[in-house]
Structures are given as C-alpha cells and as structure tokens.
PDB file of all heavy atoms in Angstrom:
ATOM      1  N   THR A   1     116.731  90.081  16.213  1.00  0.00           N
ATOM      2  CA  THR A   1     117.594  90.036  17.382  1.00  0.00           C
ATOM      3  C   THR A   1     117.789  88.576  17.792  1.00  0.00           C
ATOM      4  O   THR A   1     116.815  87.852  18.015  1.00  0.00           O
ATOM      5  CB  THR A   1     116.991  90.842  18.541  1.00  0.00           C
ATOM      6  OG1 THR A   1     116.794  92.191  18.089  1.00  0.00           O
ATOM      7  CG2 THR A   1     117.919  90.862  19.740  1.00  0.00           C
ATOM      8  N   VAL A   2     119.047  88.161  17.834  1.00  0.00           N
ATOM      9  CA  VAL A   2     119.387  86.754  18.086  1.00  0.00           C
ATOM     10  C   VAL A   2     120.589  86.668  19.018  1.00  0.00           C
ATOM     11  O   VAL A   2     121.339  87.628  19.186  1.00  0.00           O
ATOM     12  CB  VAL A   2     119.709  86.000  16.784  1.00  0.00           C
ATOM     13  CG1 VAL A   2     118.465  85.785  15.938  1.00  0.00           C
ATOM     14  CG2 VAL A   2     120.774  86.735  15.966  1.00  0.00           C
ATOM     15  N   THR A   3     120.770  85.478  19.586  1.00  0.00           N
ATOM     16  CA  THR A   3     121.987  85.183  20.331  1.00  0.00           C
ATOM     17  C   THR A   3     122.432  83.763  20.002  1.00  0.00           C
ATOM     18  O   THR A   3     121.772  83.043  19.251  1.00  0.00           O
ATOM     19  CB  THR A   3     121.797  85.379  21.849  1.00  0.00           C
ATOM     20  OG1 THR A   3     123.071  85.337  22.489  1.00  0.00           O
ATOM     21  CG2 THR A   3     120.876  84.321  22.456  1.00  0.00           C
ATOM     22  N   GLY A   4     123.545  83.365  20.572  1.00  0.00           N
ATOM     23  CA  GLY A   4     124.111  82.040  20.360  1.00  0.00           C
ATOM     24  C   GLY A   4     125.474  82.019  21.029  1.00  0.00           C
ATOM     25  O   GLY A   4     125.918  83.036  21.575  1.00  0.00           O
ATOM     26  N   PHE A   5     126.133  80.888  20.980  1.00  0.00           N
ATOM     27  CA  PHE A   5     127.435  80.719  21.634  1.00  0.00           C
ATOM     28  C   PHE A   5     128.390  81.830  21.194  1.00  0.00           C
ATOM     29  O   PHE A   5     128.560  82.081  20.009  1.00  0.00           O
ATOM     30  CB  PHE A   5     128.010  79.356  21.280  1.00  0.00           C
ATOM     31  CG  PHE A   5     128.968  78.790  22.284  1.00  0.00           C
ATOM     32  CD1 PHE A   5     128.574  78.574  23.592  1.00  0.00           C
ATOM     33  CD2 PHE A   5     130.261  78.435  21.919  1.00  0.00           C
ATOM     34  CE1 PHE A   5     129.448  78.020  24.522  1.00  0.00           C
ATOM     35  CE2 PHE A   5     131.141  77.882  22.844  1.00  0.00           C
ATOM     36  CZ  PHE A   5     130.740  77.672  24.146  1.00  0.00           C
ATOM     37  N   THR A   6     128.996  82.510  22.169  1.00  0.00           N
ATOM     38  CA  THR A   6     129.834  83.667  21.864  1.00  0.00           C
ATOM     39  C   THR A   6     131.229  83.252  21.405  1.00  0.00           C
ATOM     40  O   THR A   6     131.698  82.158  21.714  1.00  0.00           O
ATOM     41  CB  THR A   6     129.993  84.572  23.104  1.00  0.00           C
ATOM     42  OG1 THR A   6     130.771  83.871  24.091  1.00  0.00           O
ATOM     43  CG2 THR A   6     128.649  84.950  23.708  1.00  0.00           C
ATOM     44  N   ASN A   7     131.886  84.147  20.687  1.00  0.00           N
ATOM     45  CA  ASN A   7     133.273  83.896  20.289  1.00  0.00           C
ATOM     46  C   ASN A   7     134.165  83.678  21.507  1.00  0.00           C
ATOM     47  O   ASN A   7     135.077  82.844  21.485  1.00  0.00           O
ATOM     48  CB  ASN A   7     133.818  85.068  19.466  1.00  0.00           C
ATOM     49  CG  ASN A   7     133.164  85.165  18.091  1.00  0.00           C
ATOM     50  OD1 ASN A   7     132.404  84.290  17.681  1.00  0.00           O
ATOM     51  ND2 ASN A   7     133.457  86.232  17.373  1.00  0.00           N
ATOM     52  N   THR A   8     133.902  84.432  22.578  1.00  0.00           N
ATOM     53  CA  THR A   8     134.744  84.299  23.770  1.00  0.00           C
ATOM     54  C   THR A   8     134.462  82.993  24.518  1.00  0.00           C
ATOM     55  O   THR A   8     135.373  82.412  25.123  1.00  0.00           O
ATOM     56  CB  THR A   8     134.555  85.501  24.718  1.00  0.00           C
ATOM     57  OG1 THR A   8     133.161  85.757  24.891  1.00  0.00           O
ATOM     58  CG2 THR A   8     135.230  86.740  24.153  1.00  0.00           C
ATOM     59  N   GLU A   9     133.232  82.501  24.438  1.00  0.00           N
ATOM     60  CA  GLU A   9     132.937  81.187  25.021  1.00  0.00           C
ATOM     61  C   GLU A   9     133.643  80.089  24.222  1.00  0.00           C
ATOM     62  O   GLU A   9     134.171  79.129  24.796  1.00  0.00           O
ATOM     63  CB  GLU A   9     131.421  80.949  25.068  1.00  0.00           C
ATOM     64  CG  GLU A   9     130.732  81.761  26.170  1.00  0.00           C
ATOM     65  CD  GLU A   9     129.218  81.757  26.087  1.00  0.00           C
ATOM     66  OE1 GLU A   9     128.665  81.681  24.956  1.00  0.00           O
ATOM     67  OE2 GLU A   9     128.572  81.855  27.147  1.00  0.00           O
ATOM     68  N   GLU A  10     133.663  80.244  22.887  1.00  0.00           N
ATOM     69  CA  GLU A  10     134.370  79.263  22.045  1.00  0.00           C
ATOM     70  C   GLU A  10     135.866  79.272  22.361  1.00  0.00           C
ATOM     71  O   GLU A  10     136.516  78.218  22.437  1.00  0.00           O
ATOM     72  CB  GLU A  10     134.128  79.558  20.557  1.00  0.00           C
ATOM     73  CG  GLU A  10     134.362  78.380  19.640  1.00  0.00           C
ATOM     74  CD  GLU A  10     133.340  77.266  19.838  1.00  0.00           C
ATOM     75  OE1 GLU A  10     132.226  77.346  19.290  1.00  0.00           O
ATOM     76  OE2 GLU A  10     133.671  76.297  20.557  1.00  0.00           O
ATOM     77  N   GLU A  11     136.409  80.485  22.562  1.00  0.00           N
ATOM     78  CA  GLU A  11     137.817  80.591  22.987  1.00  0.00           C
ATOM     79  C   GLU A  11     138.018  79.887  24.324  1.00  0.00           C
ATOM     80  O   GLU A  11     139.029  79.214  24.542  1.00  0.00           O
ATOM     81  CB  GLU A  11     138.223  82.064  23.147  1.00  0.00           C
ATOM     82  CG  GLU A  11     138.504  82.788  21.846  1.00  0.00           C
ATOM     83  CD  GLU A  11     138.649  84.290  22.068  1.00  0.00           C
ATOM     84  OE1 GLU A  11     139.044  84.694  23.195  1.00  0.00           O
ATOM     85  OE2 GLU A  11     138.366  85.055  21.132  1.00  0.00           O
ATOM     86  N   GLY A  12     137.032  80.043  25.206  1.00  0.00           N
ATOM     87  CA  GLY A  12     137.120  79.462  26.541  1.00  0.00           C
ATOM     88  C   GLY A  12     137.213  77.946  26.538  1.00  0.00           C
ATOM     89  O   GLY A  12     137.854  77.359  27.417  1.00  0.00           O
ATOM     90  N   VAL A  13     136.589  77.311  25.543  1.00  0.00           N
ATOM     91  CA  VAL A  13     136.676  75.849  25.449  1.00  0.00           C
ATOM     92  C   VAL A  13     137.767  75.412  24.477  1.00  0.00           C
ATOM     93  O   VAL A  13     137.950  74.218  24.221  1.00  0.00           O
ATOM     94  CB  VAL A  13     135.315  75.209  25.056  1.00  0.00           C
ATOM     95  CG1 VAL A  13     134.291  75.455  26.151  1.00  0.00           C
ATOM     96  CG2 VAL A  13     134.787  75.720  23.721  1.00  0.00           C
ATOM     97  N   GLY A  14     138.505  76.390  23.939  1.00  0.00           N
ATOM     98  CA  GLY A  14     139.680  76.089  23.128  1.00  0.00           C
ATOM     99  C   GLY A  14     139.406  75.510  21.757  1.00  0.00           C
ATOM    100  O   GLY A  14     140.234  74.789  21.201  1.00  0.00           O
ATOM    101  N   LEU A  15     138.238  75.842  21.180  1.00  0.00           N
ATOM    102  CA  LEU A  15     137.878  75.216  19.901  1.00  0.00           C
ATOM    103  C   LEU A  15     137.699  76.219  18.756  1.00  0.00           C
ATOM    104  O   LEU A  15     137.182  75.865  17.698  1.00  0.00           O
ATOM    105  CB  LEU A  15     136.593  74.383  20.076  1.00  0.00           C
ATOM    106  CG  LEU A  15     136.757  73.169  21.003  1.00  0.00           C
ATOM    107  CD1 LEU A  15     135.414  72.507  21.253  1.00  0.00           C
ATOM    108  CD2 LEU A  15     137.744  72.164  20.407  1.00  0.00           C
ATOM    109  N   THR A  16     138.174  77.438  18.959  1.00  0.00           N
ATOM    110  CA  THR A  16     138.024  78.470  17.925  1.00  0.00           C
ATOM    111  C   THR A  16     138.596  78.021  16.582  1.00  0.00           C
ATOM    112  O   THR A  16     138.012  78.298  15.526  1.00  0.00           O
ATOM    113  CB  THR A  16     138.716  79.775  18.378  1.00  0.00           C
ATOM    114  OG1 THR A  16     138.146  80.189  19.624  1.00  0.00           O
ATOM    115  CG2 THR A  16     138.514  80.880  17.367  1.00  0.00           C
ATOM    116  N   ASP A  17     139.727  77.327  16.601  1.00  0.00           N
ATOM    117  CA  ASP A  17     140.380  76.913  15.359  1.00  0.00           C
ATOM    118  C   ASP A  17     139.949  75.529  14.890  1.00  0.00           C
ATOM    119  O   ASP A  17     140.450  75.025  13.879  1.00  0.00           O
ATOM    120  CB  ASP A  17     141.902  76.959  15.533  1.00  0.00           C
ATOM    121  CG  ASP A  17     142.403  78.379  15.805  1.00  0.00           C
ATOM    122  OD1 ASP A  17     141.776  79.331  15.292  1.00  0.00           O
ATOM    123  OD2 ASP A  17     143.397  78.526  16.543  1.00  0.00           O
ATOM    124  N   VAL A  18     139.031  74.903  15.620  1.00  0.00           N
ATOM    125  CA  VAL A  18     138.563  73.558  15.271  1.00  0.00           C
ATOM    126  C   VAL A  18     137.209  73.598  14.559  1.00  0.00           C
ATOM    127  O   VAL A  18     136.973  72.875  13.594  1.00  0.00           O
ATOM    128  CB  VAL A  18     138.465  72.671  16.539  1.00  0.00           C
ATOM    129  CG1 VAL A  18     137.799  71.330  16.226  1.00  0.00           C
ATOM    130  CG2 VAL A  18     139.849  72.460  17.144  1.00  0.00           C
ATOM    131  N   VAL A  19     136.340  74.488  15.027  1.00  0.00           N
ATOM    132  CA  VAL A  19     134.981  74.540  14.481  1.00  0.00           C
ATOM    133  C   VAL A  19     134.983  75.078  13.048  1.00  0.00           C
ATOM    134  O   VAL A  19     135.853  75.862  12.673  1.00  0.00           O
ATOM    135  CB  VAL A  19     134.053  75.411  15.363  1.00  0.00           C
ATOM    136  CG1 VAL A  19     133.860  74.755  16.722  1.00  0.00           C
ATOM    137  CG2 VAL A  19     134.599  76.829  15.524  1.00  0.00           C
ATOM    138  N   PRO A  20     134.005  74.648  12.221  1.00  0.00           N
ATOM    139  CA  PRO A  20     133.954  75.118  10.829  1.00  0.00           C
ATOM    140  C   PRO A  20     133.600  76.598  10.709  1.00  0.00           C
ATOM    141  O   PRO A  20     133.926  77.236   9.713  1.00  0.00           O
ATOM    142  CB  PRO A  20     132.889  74.233  10.182  1.00  0.00           C
ATOM    143  CG  PRO A  20     132.067  73.693  11.311  1.00  0.00           C
ATOM    144  CD  PRO A  20     132.984  73.622  12.498  1.00  0.00           C
ATOM    145  N   PHE A  21     132.911  77.127  11.703  1.00  0.00           N
ATOM    146  CA  PHE A  21     132.606  78.566  11.742  1.00  0.00           C
ATOM    147  C   PHE A  21     132.201  78.914  13.166  1.00  0.00           C
ATOM    148  O   PHE A  21     131.857  78.033  13.966  1.00  0.00           O
ATOM    149  CB  PHE A  21     131.500  78.953  10.747  1.00  0.00           C
ATOM    150  CG  PHE A  21     130.170  78.281  10.997  1.00  0.00           C
ATOM    151  CD1 PHE A  21     129.187  78.893  11.778  1.00  0.00           C
ATOM    152  CD2 PHE A  21     129.890  77.035  10.449  1.00  0.00           C
ATOM    153  CE1 PHE A  21     127.968  78.270  12.009  1.00  0.00           C
ATOM    154  CE2 PHE A  21     128.669  76.397  10.683  1.00  0.00           C
ATOM    155  CZ  PHE A  21     127.710  77.023  11.463  1.00  0.00           C
ATOM    156  N   LEU A  22     132.260  80.205  13.484  1.00  0.00           N
ATOM    157  CA  LEU A  22     131.856  80.685  14.805  1.00  0.00           C
ATOM    158  C   LEU A  22     130.398  81.157  14.753  1.00  0.00           C
ATOM    159  O   LEU A  22     130.030  81.926  13.851  1.00  0.00           O
ATOM    160  CB  LEU A  22     132.766  81.828  15.254  1.00  0.00           C
ATOM    161  CG  LEU A  22     134.232  81.439  15.477  1.00  0.00           C
ATOM    162  CD1 LEU A  22     135.102  82.684  15.608  1.00  0.00           C
ATOM    163  CD2 LEU A  22     134.378  80.555  16.706  1.00  0.00           C
ATOM    164  N   VAL A  23     129.595  80.700  15.680  1.00  0.00           N
ATOM    165  CA  VAL A  23     128.162  81.013  15.671  1.00  0.00           C
ATOM    166  C   VAL A  23     127.920  82.522  15.706  1.00  0.00           C
ATOM    167  O   VAL A  23     127.118  83.056  14.928  1.00  0.00           O
ATOM    168  CB  VAL A  23     127.442  80.317  16.854  1.00  0.00           C
ATOM    169  CG1 VAL A  23     125.988  80.770  16.941  1.00  0.00           C
ATOM    170  CG2 VAL A  23     127.513  78.804  16.701  1.00  0.00           C
ATOM    171  N   GLU A  24     128.623  83.212  16.596  1.00  0.00           N
ATOM    172  CA  GLU A  24     128.442  84.666  16.715  1.00  0.00           C
ATOM    173  C   GLU A  24     128.746  85.360  15.384  1.00  0.00           C
ATOM    174  O   GLU A  24     127.956  86.193  14.912  1.00  0.00           O
ATOM    175  CB  GLU A  24     129.355  85.220  17.818  1.00  0.00           C
ATOM    176  CG  GLU A  24     129.284  86.737  17.949  1.00  0.00           C
ATOM    177  CD  GLU A  24     130.195  87.299  19.048  1.00  0.00           C
ATOM    178  OE1 GLU A  24     130.515  86.574  20.008  1.00  0.00           O
ATOM    179  OE2 GLU A  24     130.561  88.484  18.935  1.00  0.00           O
ATOM    180  N   ASP A  25     129.874  85.015  14.774  1.00  0.00           N
ATOM    181  CA  ASP A  25     130.264  85.652  13.506  1.00  0.00           C
ATOM    182  C   ASP A  25     129.261  85.359  12.401  1.00  0.00           C
ATOM    183  O   ASP A  25     128.918  86.242  11.599  1.00  0.00           O
ATOM    184  CB  ASP A  25     131.655  85.171  13.071  1.00  0.00           C
ATOM    185  CG  ASP A  25     132.769  85.747  13.923  1.00  0.00           C
ATOM    186  OD1 ASP A  25     132.483  86.604  14.776  1.00  0.00           O
ATOM    187  OD2 ASP A  25     133.933  85.341  13.724  1.00  0.00           O
ATOM    188  N   MET A  26     128.776  84.104  12.343  1.00  0.00           N
ATOM    189  CA  MET A  26     127.825  83.722  11.296  1.00  0.00           C
ATOM    190  C   MET A  26     126.514  84.485  11.436  1.00  0.00           C
ATOM    191  O   MET A  26     125.964  84.994  10.449  1.00  0.00           O
ATOM    192  CB  MET A  26     127.577  82.212  11.353  1.00  0.00           C
ATOM    193  CG  MET A  26     126.581  81.680  10.312  1.00  0.00           C
ATOM    194  SD  MET A  26     124.842  81.829  10.830  1.00  0.00           S
ATOM    195  CE  MET A  26     124.783  80.608  12.160  1.00  0.00           C
ATOM    196  N   LEU A  27     125.997  84.590  12.661  1.00  0.00           N
ATOM    197  CA  LEU A  27     124.732  85.300  12.866  1.00  0.00           C
ATOM    198  C   LEU A  27     124.862  86.768  12.474  1.00  0.00           C
ATOM    199  O   LEU A  27     123.956  87.341  11.857  1.00  0.00           O
ATOM    200  CB  LEU A  27     124.278  85.158  14.325  1.00  0.00           C
ATOM    201  CG  LEU A  27     123.839  83.753  14.755  1.00  0.00           C
ATOM    202  CD1 LEU A  27     123.634  83.694  16.268  1.00  0.00           C
ATOM    203  CD2 LEU A  27     122.574  83.313  14.024  1.00  0.00           C
ATOM    204  N   LYS A  28     126.003  87.359  12.798  1.00  0.00           N
ATOM    205  CA  LYS A  28     126.238  88.760  12.418  1.00  0.00           C
ATOM    206  C   LYS A  28     126.349  88.905  10.895  1.00  0.00           C
ATOM    207  O   LYS A  28     125.764  89.824  10.308  1.00  0.00           O
ATOM    208  CB  LYS A  28     127.516  89.279  13.080  1.00  0.00           C
ATOM    209  CG  LYS A  28     127.385  89.520  14.580  1.00  0.00           C
ATOM    210  CD  LYS A  28     128.741  89.924  15.157  1.00  0.00           C
ATOM    211  CE  LYS A  28     128.662  90.238  16.644  1.00  0.00           C
ATOM    212  NZ  LYS A  28     130.013  90.481  17.216  1.00  0.00           N
ATOM    213  N   SER A  29     127.084  87.993  10.264  1.00  0.00           N
ATOM    214  CA  SER A  29     127.281  88.115   8.810  1.00  0.00           C
ATOM    215  C   SER A  29     125.987  87.865   8.042  1.00  0.00           C
ATOM    216  O   SER A  29     125.828  88.333   6.915  1.00  0.00           O
ATOM    217  CB  SER A  29     128.386  87.169   8.325  1.00  0.00           C
ATOM    218  OG  SER A  29     127.989  85.826   8.454  1.00  0.00           O
TER     219      SER A  29
END
C-alpha cells in the first residue's frame, strides 16, 4: 500500500504533459 502525488494534483499544477511519467500511474503499474 503506497501513495504519492496524484494525477489530479499534477493536473492542478499544469504539468501532466511535461513530466516523464505520472507518479500515481507508475505506482499502480
């Protein structure tokens, strides 16, 4: 069981398309 910066928080700072990967997606995958 883990957590980390959420996809919606990344959207909130406007960097979804800038970062090399999303923390939430990576932890799930």
